[in-house]
Amino acid sequence: MVLLDELGDRKEANLQPIRLTDLTQVTGLPRETVRRKLENLRKRGKVSRTEDGKWVYLSAGITEAEREFTRNTVRQFLMTAQTLLSILDMVDTQQA
């Protein structure tokens, strides 16, 4: 599922609720840490819990400042990755 467009802007997507167990596996964090963080996010209106106990992101809970911060962070990450790839290409060329 693509959540951001090529400029890092949020695309409308039909996000599916996710289980605590799945989040624990993806993050590699202890179950209790993930649960505690989700509860904190729920109190702040960022996520909610479904009747069957799964978690879902609430787009209404994310401010424009948070969206812009995320957009800028992703852009910086991608630029850094591109720089690293260029360096690796230069090293490969010099070793050949």
PDB file of N, CA and C in Angstrom:
ATOM      1  N   MET A   1       0.848  -1.170   0.000  1.00  0.00           N
ATOM      2  CA  MET A   1       0.000   0.000   0.000  1.00  0.00           C
ATOM      3  C   MET A   1       0.897   1.236   0.000  1.00  0.00           C
ATOM      4  N   VAL A   2       0.625   2.153  -0.868  1.00  0.00           N
ATOM      5  CA  VAL A   2       1.400   3.383  -0.955  1.00  0.00           C
ATOM      6  C   VAL A   2       0.691   4.454  -0.133  1.00  0.00           C
ATOM      7  N   LEU A   3       1.392   5.018   0.862  1.00  0.00           N
ATOM      8  CA  LEU A   3       0.790   6.019   1.721  1.00  0.00           C
ATOM      9  C   LEU A   3       1.203   7.433   1.364  1.00  0.00           C
ATOM     10  N   LEU A   4       2.366   7.565   0.705  1.00  0.00           N
ATOM     11  CA  LEU A   4       2.858   8.888   0.326  1.00  0.00           C
ATOM     12  C   LEU A   4       3.058   8.938  -1.171  1.00  0.00           C
ATOM     13  N   ASP A   5       2.838  10.113  -1.755  1.00  0.00           N
ATOM     14  CA  ASP A   5       3.126  10.263  -3.173  1.00  0.00           C
ATOM     15  C   ASP A   5       4.614  10.565  -3.361  1.00  0.00           C
ATOM     16  N   GLU A   6       5.023  10.819  -4.592  1.00  0.00           N
ATOM     17  CA  GLU A   6       6.449  11.007  -4.887  1.00  0.00           C
ATOM     18  C   GLU A   6       7.040  12.245  -4.218  1.00  0.00           C
ATOM     19  N   LEU A   7       6.212  13.173  -3.761  1.00  0.00           N
ATOM     20  CA  LEU A   7       6.699  14.360  -3.055  1.00  0.00           C
ATOM     21  C   LEU A   7       6.621  14.213  -1.543  1.00  0.00           C
ATOM     22  N   GLY A   8       6.174  13.046  -1.089  1.00  0.00           N
ATOM     23  CA  GLY A   8       6.074  12.812   0.343  1.00  0.00           C
ATOM     24  C   GLY A   8       4.768  13.273   0.954  1.00  0.00           C
ATOM     25  N   ASP A   9       3.812  13.666   0.114  1.00  0.00           N
ATOM     26  CA  ASP A   9       2.503  14.063   0.622  1.00  0.00           C
ATOM     27  C   ASP A   9       1.647  12.823   0.845  1.00  0.00           C
ATOM     28  N   ARG A  10       0.782  12.910   1.857  1.00  0.00           N
ATOM     29  CA  ARG A  10      -0.061  11.777   2.214  1.00  0.00           C
ATOM     30  C   ARG A  10      -1.103  11.519   1.141  1.00  0.00           C
ATOM     31  N   LYS A  11      -1.209  10.261   0.741  1.00  0.00           N
ATOM     32  CA  LYS A  11      -2.269   9.866  -0.181  1.00  0.00           C
ATOM     33  C   LYS A  11      -3.394   9.266   0.650  1.00  0.00           C
ATOM     34  N   GLU A  12      -4.582   9.450   0.170  1.00  0.00           N
ATOM     35  CA  GLU A  12      -5.699   8.805   0.854  1.00  0.00           C
ATOM     36  C   GLU A  12      -5.552   7.304   0.691  1.00  0.00           C
ATOM     37  N   ALA A  13      -5.640   6.588   1.764  1.00  0.00           N
ATOM     38  CA  ALA A  13      -5.480   5.137   1.718  1.00  0.00           C
ATOM     39  C   ALA A  13      -6.461   4.503   2.693  1.00  0.00           C
ATOM     40  N   ASN A  14      -6.854   3.308   2.375  1.00  0.00           N
ATOM     41  CA  ASN A  14      -7.746   2.568   3.236  1.00  0.00           C
ATOM     42  C   ASN A  14      -6.887   1.721   4.177  1.00  0.00           C
ATOM     43  N   LEU A  15      -6.500   2.308   5.291  1.00  0.00           N
ATOM     44  CA  LEU A  15      -5.632   1.612   6.230  1.00  0.00           C
ATOM     45  C   LEU A  15      -6.424   0.570   7.009  1.00  0.00           C
ATOM     46  N   GLN A  16      -5.830  -0.577   7.151  1.00  0.00           N
ATOM     47  CA  GLN A  16      -6.465  -1.652   7.894  1.00  0.00           C
ATOM     48  C   GLN A  16      -5.978  -1.638   9.340  1.00  0.00           C
ATOM     49  N   PRO A  17      -6.864  -1.896  10.296  1.00  0.00           N
ATOM     50  CA  PRO A  17      -6.424  -2.003  11.685  1.00  0.00           C
ATOM     51  C   PRO A  17      -5.378  -3.110  11.830  1.00  0.00           C
ATOM     52  N   ILE A  18      -4.479  -2.941  12.788  1.00  0.00           N
ATOM     53  CA  ILE A  18      -3.388  -3.888  12.969  1.00  0.00           C
ATOM     54  C   ILE A  18      -3.357  -4.386  14.418  1.00  0.00           C
ATOM     55  N   ARG A  19      -2.936  -5.622  14.566  1.00  0.00           N
ATOM     56  CA  ARG A  19      -2.871  -6.229  15.900  1.00  0.00           C
ATOM     57  C   ARG A  19      -1.612  -5.779  16.636  1.00  0.00           C
ATOM     58  N   LEU A  20      -1.694  -5.748  17.952  1.00  0.00           N
ATOM     59  CA  LEU A  20      -0.549  -5.430  18.795  1.00  0.00           C
ATOM     60  C   LEU A  20       0.603  -6.388  18.511  1.00  0.00           C
ATOM     61  N   THR A  21       0.295  -7.656  18.332  1.00  0.00           N
ATOM     62  CA  THR A  21       1.321  -8.664  18.037  1.00  0.00           C
ATOM     63  C   THR A  21       2.069  -8.325  16.758  1.00  0.00           C
ATOM     64  N   ASP A  22       1.355  -7.885  15.732  1.00  0.00           N
ATOM     65  CA  ASP A  22       2.000  -7.528  14.468  1.00  0.00           C
ATOM     66  C   ASP A  22       2.916  -6.325  14.639  1.00  0.00           C
ATOM     67  N   LEU A  23       2.450  -5.323  15.384  1.00  0.00           N
ATOM     68  CA  LEU A  23       3.285  -4.145  15.637  1.00  0.00           C
ATOM     69  C   LEU A  23       4.538  -4.509  16.421  1.00  0.00           C
ATOM     70  N   THR A  24       4.396  -5.408  17.358  1.00  0.00           N
ATOM     71  CA  THR A  24       5.536  -5.873  18.148  1.00  0.00           C
ATOM     72  C   THR A  24       6.557  -6.562  17.249  1.00  0.00           C
ATOM     73  N   GLN A  25       6.092  -7.395  16.336  1.00  0.00           N
ATOM     74  CA  GLN A  25       6.999  -8.095  15.421  1.00  0.00           C
ATOM     75  C   GLN A  25       7.697  -7.119  14.475  1.00  0.00           C
ATOM     76  N   VAL A  26       6.968  -6.163  13.941  1.00  0.00           N
ATOM     77  CA  VAL A  26       7.531  -5.214  12.986  1.00  0.00           C
ATOM     78  C   VAL A  26       8.573  -4.315  13.652  1.00  0.00           C
ATOM     79  N   THR A  27       8.278  -3.837  14.849  1.00  0.00           N
ATOM     80  CA  THR A  27       9.177  -2.897  15.521  1.00  0.00           C
ATOM     81  C   THR A  27      10.330  -3.584  16.244  1.00  0.00           C
ATOM     82  N   GLY A  28      10.120  -4.826  16.660  1.00  0.00           N
ATOM     83  CA  GLY A  28      11.143  -5.506  17.442  1.00  0.00           C
ATOM     84  C   GLY A  28      11.172  -5.049  18.895  1.00  0.00           C
ATOM     85  N   LEU A  29      10.193  -4.250  19.282  1.00  0.00           N
ATOM     86  CA  LEU A  29      10.114  -3.761  20.654  1.00  0.00           C
ATOM     87  C   LEU A  29       9.317  -4.739  21.515  1.00  0.00           C
ATOM     88  N   PRO A  30       9.552  -4.715  22.821  1.00  0.00           N
ATOM     89  CA  PRO A  30       8.763  -5.575  23.712  1.00  0.00           C
ATOM     90  C   PRO A  30       7.276  -5.231  23.633  1.00  0.00           C
ATOM     91  N   ARG A  31       6.452  -6.241  23.795  1.00  0.00           N
ATOM     92  CA  ARG A  31       4.993  -6.084  23.701  1.00  0.00           C
ATOM     93  C   ARG A  31       4.479  -4.986  24.627  1.00  0.00           C
ATOM     94  N   GLU A  32       4.952  -4.967  25.860  1.00  0.00           N
ATOM     95  CA  GLU A  32       4.465  -3.985  26.829  1.00  0.00           C
ATOM     96  C   GLU A  32       4.863  -2.565  26.423  1.00  0.00           C
ATOM     97  N   THR A  33       6.025  -2.392  25.834  1.00  0.00           N
ATOM     98  CA  THR A  33       6.458  -1.076  25.361  1.00  0.00           C
ATOM     99  C   THR A  33       5.540  -0.587  24.248  1.00  0.00           C
ATOM    100  N   VAL A  34       5.245  -1.457  23.288  1.00  0.00           N
ATOM    101  CA  VAL A  34       4.355  -1.092  22.175  1.00  0.00           C
ATOM    102  C   VAL A  34       2.960  -0.770  22.704  1.00  0.00           C
ATOM    103  N   ARG A  35       2.459  -1.591  23.619  1.00  0.00           N
ATOM    104  CA  ARG A  35       1.129  -1.362  24.186  1.00  0.00           C
ATOM    105  C   ARG A  35       1.071  -0.018  24.907  1.00  0.00           C
ATOM    106  N   ARG A  36       2.084   0.278  25.694  1.00  0.00           N
ATOM    107  CA  ARG A  36       2.132   1.531  26.443  1.00  0.00           C
ATOM    108  C   ARG A  36       2.181   2.743  25.497  1.00  0.00           C
ATOM    109  N   LYS A  37       2.979   2.634  24.451  1.00  0.00           N
ATOM    110  CA  LYS A  37       3.071   3.738  23.485  1.00  0.00           C
ATOM    111  C   LYS A  37       1.751   3.926  22.737  1.00  0.00           C
ATOM    112  N   LEU A  38       1.096   2.833  22.383  1.00  0.00           N
ATOM    113  CA  LEU A  38      -0.196   2.938  21.710  1.00  0.00           C
ATOM    114  C   LEU A  38      -1.237   3.580  22.617  1.00  0.00           C
ATOM    115  N   GLU A  39      -1.220   3.231  23.879  1.00  0.00           N
ATOM    116  CA  GLU A  39      -2.168   3.834  24.822  1.00  0.00           C
ATOM    117  C   GLU A  39      -1.924   5.337  24.938  1.00  0.00           C
ATOM    118  N   ASN A  40      -0.662   5.726  24.936  1.00  0.00           N
ATOM    119  CA  ASN A  40      -0.329   7.149  24.972  1.00  0.00           C
ATOM    120  C   ASN A  40      -0.841   7.846  23.711  1.00  0.00           C
ATOM    121  N   LEU A  41      -0.637   7.227  22.555  1.00  0.00           N
ATOM    122  CA  LEU A  41      -1.135   7.791  21.294  1.00  0.00           C
ATOM    123  C   LEU A  41      -2.664   7.847  21.272  1.00  0.00           C
ATOM    124  N   ARG A  42      -3.308   6.841  21.849  1.00  0.00           N
ATOM    125  CA  ARG A  42      -4.779   6.836  21.923  1.00  0.00           C
ATOM    126  C   ARG A  42      -5.272   8.007  22.755  1.00  0.00           C
ATOM    127  N   LYS A  43      -4.633   8.263  23.892  1.00  0.00           N
ATOM    128  CA  LYS A  43      -5.029   9.378  24.755  1.00  0.00           C
ATOM    129  C   LYS A  43      -4.857  10.721  24.049  1.00  0.00           C
ATOM    130  N   ARG A  44      -3.904  10.798  23.135  1.00  0.00           N
ATOM    131  CA  ARG A  44      -3.629  12.036  22.398  1.00  0.00           C
ATOM    132  C   ARG A  44      -4.441  12.146  21.110  1.00  0.00           C
ATOM    133  N   GLY A  45      -5.298  11.139  20.833  1.00  0.00           N
ATOM    134  CA  GLY A  45      -6.161  11.186  19.657  1.00  0.00           C
ATOM    135  C   GLY A  45      -5.487  10.829  18.349  1.00  0.00           C
ATOM    136  N   LYS A  46      -4.348  10.132  18.413  1.00  0.00           N
ATOM    137  CA  LYS A  46      -3.598   9.779  17.209  1.00  0.00           C
ATOM    138  C   LYS A  46      -4.002   8.410  16.659  1.00  0.00           C
ATOM    139  N   VAL A  47      -4.428   7.516  17.531  1.00  0.00           N
ATOM    140  CA  VAL A  47      -4.873   6.179  17.134  1.00  0.00           C
ATOM    141  C   VAL A  47      -6.121   5.827  17.941  1.00  0.00           C
ATOM    142  N   SER A  48      -6.842   4.825  17.474  1.00  0.00           N
ATOM    143  CA  SER A  48      -7.965   4.313  18.257  1.00  0.00           C
ATOM    144  C   SER A  48      -7.929   2.795  18.211  1.00  0.00           C
ATOM    145  N   ARG A  49      -8.723   2.207  19.052  1.00  0.00           N
ATOM    146  CA  ARG A  49      -8.781   0.757  19.151  1.00  0.00           C
ATOM    147  C   ARG A  49     -10.145   0.280  18.669  1.00  0.00           C
ATOM    148  N   THR A  50     -10.132  -0.755  17.842  1.00  0.00           N
ATOM    149  CA  THR A  50     -11.382  -1.307  17.334  1.00  0.00           C
ATOM    150  C   THR A  50     -11.996  -2.233  18.375  1.00  0.00           C
ATOM    151  N   GLU A  51     -13.223  -2.644  18.121  1.00  0.00           N
ATOM    152  CA  GLU A  51     -13.914  -3.532  19.063  1.00  0.00           C
ATOM    153  C   GLU A  51     -13.177  -4.852  19.259  1.00  0.00           C
ATOM    154  N   ASP A  52     -12.479  -5.321  18.208  1.00  0.00           N
ATOM    155  CA  ASP A  52     -11.757  -6.587  18.322  1.00  0.00           C
ATOM    156  C   ASP A  52     -10.317  -6.403  18.813  1.00  0.00           C
ATOM    157  N   GLY A  53      -9.978  -5.181  19.292  1.00  0.00           N
ATOM    158  CA  GLY A  53      -8.687  -4.959  19.923  1.00  0.00           C
ATOM    159  C   GLY A  53      -7.557  -4.538  19.000  1.00  0.00           C
ATOM    160  N   LYS A  54      -7.856  -4.350  17.725  1.00  0.00           N
ATOM    161  CA  LYS A  54      -6.816  -3.907  16.794  1.00  0.00           C
ATOM    162  C   LYS A  54      -6.664  -2.392  16.881  1.00  0.00           C
ATOM    163  N   TRP A  55      -5.555  -1.898  16.342  1.00  0.00           N
ATOM    164  CA  TRP A  55      -5.245  -0.474  16.394  1.00  0.00           C
ATOM    165  C   TRP A  55      -5.327   0.128  15.007  1.00  0.00           C
ATOM    166  N   VAL A  56      -5.805   1.382  14.951  1.00  0.00           N
ATOM    167  CA  VAL A  56      -5.925   2.073  13.668  1.00  0.00           C
ATOM    168  C   VAL A  56      -5.506   3.536  13.838  1.00  0.00           C
ATOM    169  N   TYR A  57      -4.828   4.043  12.822  1.00  0.00           N
ATOM    170  CA  TYR A  57      -4.355   5.427  12.757  1.00  0.00           C
ATOM    171  C   TYR A  57      -5.529   6.358  12.519  1.00  0.00           C
ATOM    172  N   LEU A  58      -5.540   7.492  13.208  1.00  0.00           N
ATOM    173  CA  LEU A  58      -6.586   8.486  13.021  1.00  0.00           C
ATOM    174  C   LEU A  58      -5.995   9.708  12.323  1.00  0.00           C
ATOM    175  N   SER A  59      -6.295   9.873  11.052  1.00  0.00           N
ATOM    176  CA  SER A  59      -5.710  10.988  10.302  1.00  0.00           C
ATOM    177  C   SER A  59      -6.115  12.330  10.889  1.00  0.00           C
ATOM    178  N   ALA A  60      -7.279  12.407  11.490  1.00  0.00           N
ATOM    179  CA  ALA A  60      -7.734  13.666  12.090  1.00  0.00           C
ATOM    180  C   ALA A  60      -6.871  14.064  13.284  1.00  0.00           C
ATOM    181  N   GLY A  61      -6.172  13.116  13.866  1.00  0.00           N
ATOM    182  CA  GLY A  61      -5.335  13.391  15.035  1.00  0.00           C
ATOM    183  C   GLY A  61      -3.951  13.901  14.700  1.00  0.00           C
ATOM    184  N   ILE A  62      -3.617  13.983  13.412  1.00  0.00           N
ATOM    185  CA  ILE A  62      -2.293  14.412  12.989  1.00  0.00           C
ATOM    186  C   ILE A  62      -2.378  15.858  12.500  1.00  0.00           C
ATOM    187  N   THR A  63      -1.579  16.718  13.090  1.00  0.00           N
ATOM    188  CA  THR A  63      -1.600  18.134  12.719  1.00  0.00           C
ATOM    189  C   THR A  63      -0.794  18.374  11.444  1.00  0.00           C
ATOM    190  N   GLU A  64      -1.018  19.527  10.846  1.00  0.00           N
ATOM    191  CA  GLU A  64      -0.263  19.890   9.643  1.00  0.00           C
ATOM    192  C   GLU A  64       1.225  20.014   9.959  1.00  0.00           C
ATOM    193  N   ALA A  65       1.572  20.489  11.133  1.00  0.00           N
ATOM    194  CA  ALA A  65       2.984  20.589  11.531  1.00  0.00           C
ATOM    195  C   ALA A  65       3.622  19.197  11.613  1.00  0.00           C
ATOM    196  N   GLU A  66       2.890  18.223  12.131  1.00  0.00           N
ATOM    197  CA  GLU A  66       3.404  16.850  12.203  1.00  0.00           C
ATOM    198  C   GLU A  66       3.549  16.253  10.807  1.00  0.00           C
ATOM    199  N   ARG A  67       2.603  16.540   9.933  1.00  0.00           N
ATOM    200  CA  ARG A  67       2.697  16.053   8.548  1.00  0.00           C
ATOM    201  C   ARG A  67       3.927  16.646   7.857  1.00  0.00           C
ATOM    202  N   GLU A  68       4.140  17.946   8.038  1.00  0.00           N
ATOM    203  CA  GLU A  68       5.285  18.606   7.411  1.00  0.00           C
ATOM    204  C   GLU A  68       6.606  18.070   7.975  1.00  0.00           C
ATOM    205  N   PHE A  69       6.653  17.832   9.273  1.00  0.00           N
ATOM    206  CA  PHE A  69       7.849  17.251   9.892  1.00  0.00           C
ATOM    207  C   PHE A  69       8.140  15.879   9.291  1.00  0.00           C
ATOM    208  N   THR A  70       7.117  15.059   9.159  1.00  0.00           N
ATOM    209  CA  THR A  70       7.284  13.723   8.585  1.00  0.00           C
ATOM    210  C   THR A  70       7.736  13.816   7.135  1.00  0.00           C
ATOM    211  N   ARG A  71       7.118  14.698   6.370  1.00  0.00           N
ATOM    212  CA  ARG A  71       7.479  14.905   4.974  1.00  0.00           C
ATOM    213  C   ARG A  71       8.953  15.284   4.854  1.00  0.00           C
ATOM    214  N   ASN A  72       9.393  16.246   5.661  1.00  0.00           N
ATOM    215  CA  ASN A  72      10.788  16.682   5.622  1.00  0.00           C
ATOM    216  C   ASN A  72      11.744  15.583   6.067  1.00  0.00           C
ATOM    217  N   THR A  73      11.357  14.828   7.066  1.00  0.00           N
ATOM    218  CA  THR A  73      12.202  13.734   7.551  1.00  0.00           C
ATOM    219  C   THR A  73      12.377  12.676   6.475  1.00  0.00           C
ATOM    220  N   VAL A  74      11.294  12.321   5.796  1.00  0.00           N
ATOM    221  CA  VAL A  74      11.371  11.322   4.721  1.00  0.00           C
ATOM    222  C   VAL A  74      12.245  11.839   3.581  1.00  0.00           C
ATOM    223  N   ARG A  75      12.079  13.089   3.214  1.00  0.00           N
ATOM    224  CA  ARG A  75      12.913  13.665   2.149  1.00  0.00           C
ATOM    225  C   ARG A  75      14.394  13.624   2.519  1.00  0.00           C
ATOM    226  N   GLN A  76      14.721  14.008   3.739  1.00  0.00           N
ATOM    227  CA  GLN A  76      16.120  13.989   4.189  1.00  0.00           C
ATOM    228  C   GLN A  76      16.670  12.565   4.195  1.00  0.00           C
ATOM    229  N   PHE A  77      15.860  11.621   4.642  1.00  0.00           N
ATOM    230  CA  PHE A  77      16.272  10.218   4.647  1.00  0.00           C
ATOM    231  C   PHE A  77      16.578   9.742   3.227  1.00  0.00           C
ATOM    232  N   LEU A  78      15.701  10.068   2.292  1.00  0.00           N
ATOM    233  CA  LEU A  78      15.894   9.639   0.905  1.00  0.00           C
ATOM    234  C   LEU A  78      17.113  10.303   0.273  1.00  0.00           C
ATOM    235  N   MET A  79      17.356  11.570   0.593  1.00  0.00           N
ATOM    236  CA  MET A  79      18.541  12.252   0.065  1.00  0.00           C
ATOM    237  C   MET A  79      19.814  11.624   0.631  1.00  0.00           C
ATOM    238  N   THR A  80      19.786  11.266   1.913  1.00  0.00           N
ATOM    239  CA  THR A  80      20.939  10.608   2.524  1.00  0.00           C
ATOM    240  C   THR A  80      21.179   9.243   1.888  1.00  0.00           C
ATOM    241  N   ALA A  81      20.117   8.505   1.653  1.00  0.00           N
ATOM    242  CA  ALA A  81      20.252   7.202   1.003  1.00  0.00           C
ATOM    243  C   ALA A  81      20.847   7.357  -0.392  1.00  0.00           C
ATOM    244  N   GLN A  82      20.403   8.363  -1.140  1.00  0.00           N
ATOM    245  CA  GLN A  82      20.938   8.603  -2.479  1.00  0.00           C
ATOM    246  C   GLN A  82      22.418   8.967  -2.423  1.00  0.00           C
ATOM    247  N   THR A  83      22.805   9.774  -1.457  1.00  0.00           N
ATOM    248  CA  THR A  83      24.215  10.136  -1.284  1.00  0.00           C
ATOM    249  C   THR A  83      25.059   8.902  -0.979  1.00  0.00           C
ATOM    250  N   LEU A  84      24.561   8.051  -0.102  1.00  0.00           N
ATOM    251  CA  LEU A  84      25.284   6.821   0.235  1.00  0.00           C
ATOM    252  C   LEU A  84      25.429   5.906  -0.974  1.00  0.00           C
ATOM    253  N   LEU A  85      24.383   5.808  -1.778  1.00  0.00           N
ATOM    254  CA  LEU A  85      24.469   4.999  -2.996  1.00  0.00           C
ATOM    255  C   LEU A  85      25.516   5.565  -3.954  1.00  0.00           C
ATOM    256  N   SER A  86      25.591   6.881  -4.075  1.00  0.00           N
ATOM    257  CA  SER A  86      26.594   7.518  -4.935  1.00  0.00           C
ATOM    258  C   SER A  86      28.002   7.221  -4.434  1.00  0.00           C
ATOM    259  N   ILE A  87      28.196   7.286  -3.132  1.00  0.00           N
ATOM    260  CA  ILE A  87      29.509   6.980  -2.542  1.00  0.00           C
ATOM    261  C   ILE A  87      29.881   5.525  -2.814  1.00  0.00           C
ATOM    262  N   LEU A  88      28.940   4.630  -2.625  1.00  0.00           N
ATOM    263  CA  LEU A  88      29.206   3.216  -2.886  1.00  0.00           C
ATOM    264  C   LEU A  88      29.565   2.975  -4.347  1.00  0.00           C
ATOM    265  N   ASP A  89      28.880   3.667  -5.262  1.00  0.00           N
ATOM    266  CA  ASP A  89      29.184   3.553  -6.688  1.00  0.00           C
ATOM    267  C   ASP A  89      30.607   4.023  -6.974  1.00  0.00           C
ATOM    268  N   MET A  90      31.014   5.129  -6.332  1.00  0.00           N
ATOM    269  CA  MET A  90      32.377   5.650  -6.520  1.00  0.00           C
ATOM    270  C   MET A  90      33.418   4.660  -6.001  1.00  0.00           C
ATOM    271  N   VAL A  91      33.149   4.046  -4.866  1.00  0.00           N
ATOM    272  CA  VAL A  91      34.076   3.062  -4.289  1.00  0.00           C
ATOM    273  C   VAL A  91      34.179   1.857  -5.206  1.00  0.00           C
ATOM    274  N   ASP A  92      33.042   1.394  -5.715  1.00  0.00           N
ATOM    275  CA  ASP A  92      33.053   0.248  -6.650  1.00  0.00           C
ATOM    276  C   ASP A  92      33.847   0.578  -7.893  1.00  0.00           C
ATOM    277  N   THR A  93      33.697   1.785  -8.420  1.00  0.00           N
ATOM    278  CA  THR A  93      34.417   2.204  -9.640  1.00  0.00           C
ATOM    279  C   THR A  93      35.920   2.263  -9.378  1.00  0.00           C
ATOM    280  N   GLN A  94      36.317   2.755  -8.206  1.00  0.00           N
ATOM    281  CA  GLN A  94      37.736   2.868  -7.885  1.00  0.00           C
ATOM    282  C   GLN A  94      38.380   1.498  -7.667  1.00  0.00           C
ATOM    283  N   GLN A  95      37.613   0.536  -7.174  1.00  0.00           N
ATOM    284  CA  GLN A  95      38.149  -0.795  -6.911  1.00  0.00           C
ATOM    285  C   GLN A  95      38.236  -1.623  -8.180  1.00  0.00           C
ATOM    286  N   ALA A  96      37.508  -1.248  -9.208  1.00  0.00           N
ATOM    287  CA  ALA A  96      37.484  -2.035 -10.456  1.00  0.00           C
ATOM    288  C   ALA A  96      38.677  -1.802 -11.319  1.00  0.00           C
TER     289      ALA A  96
END
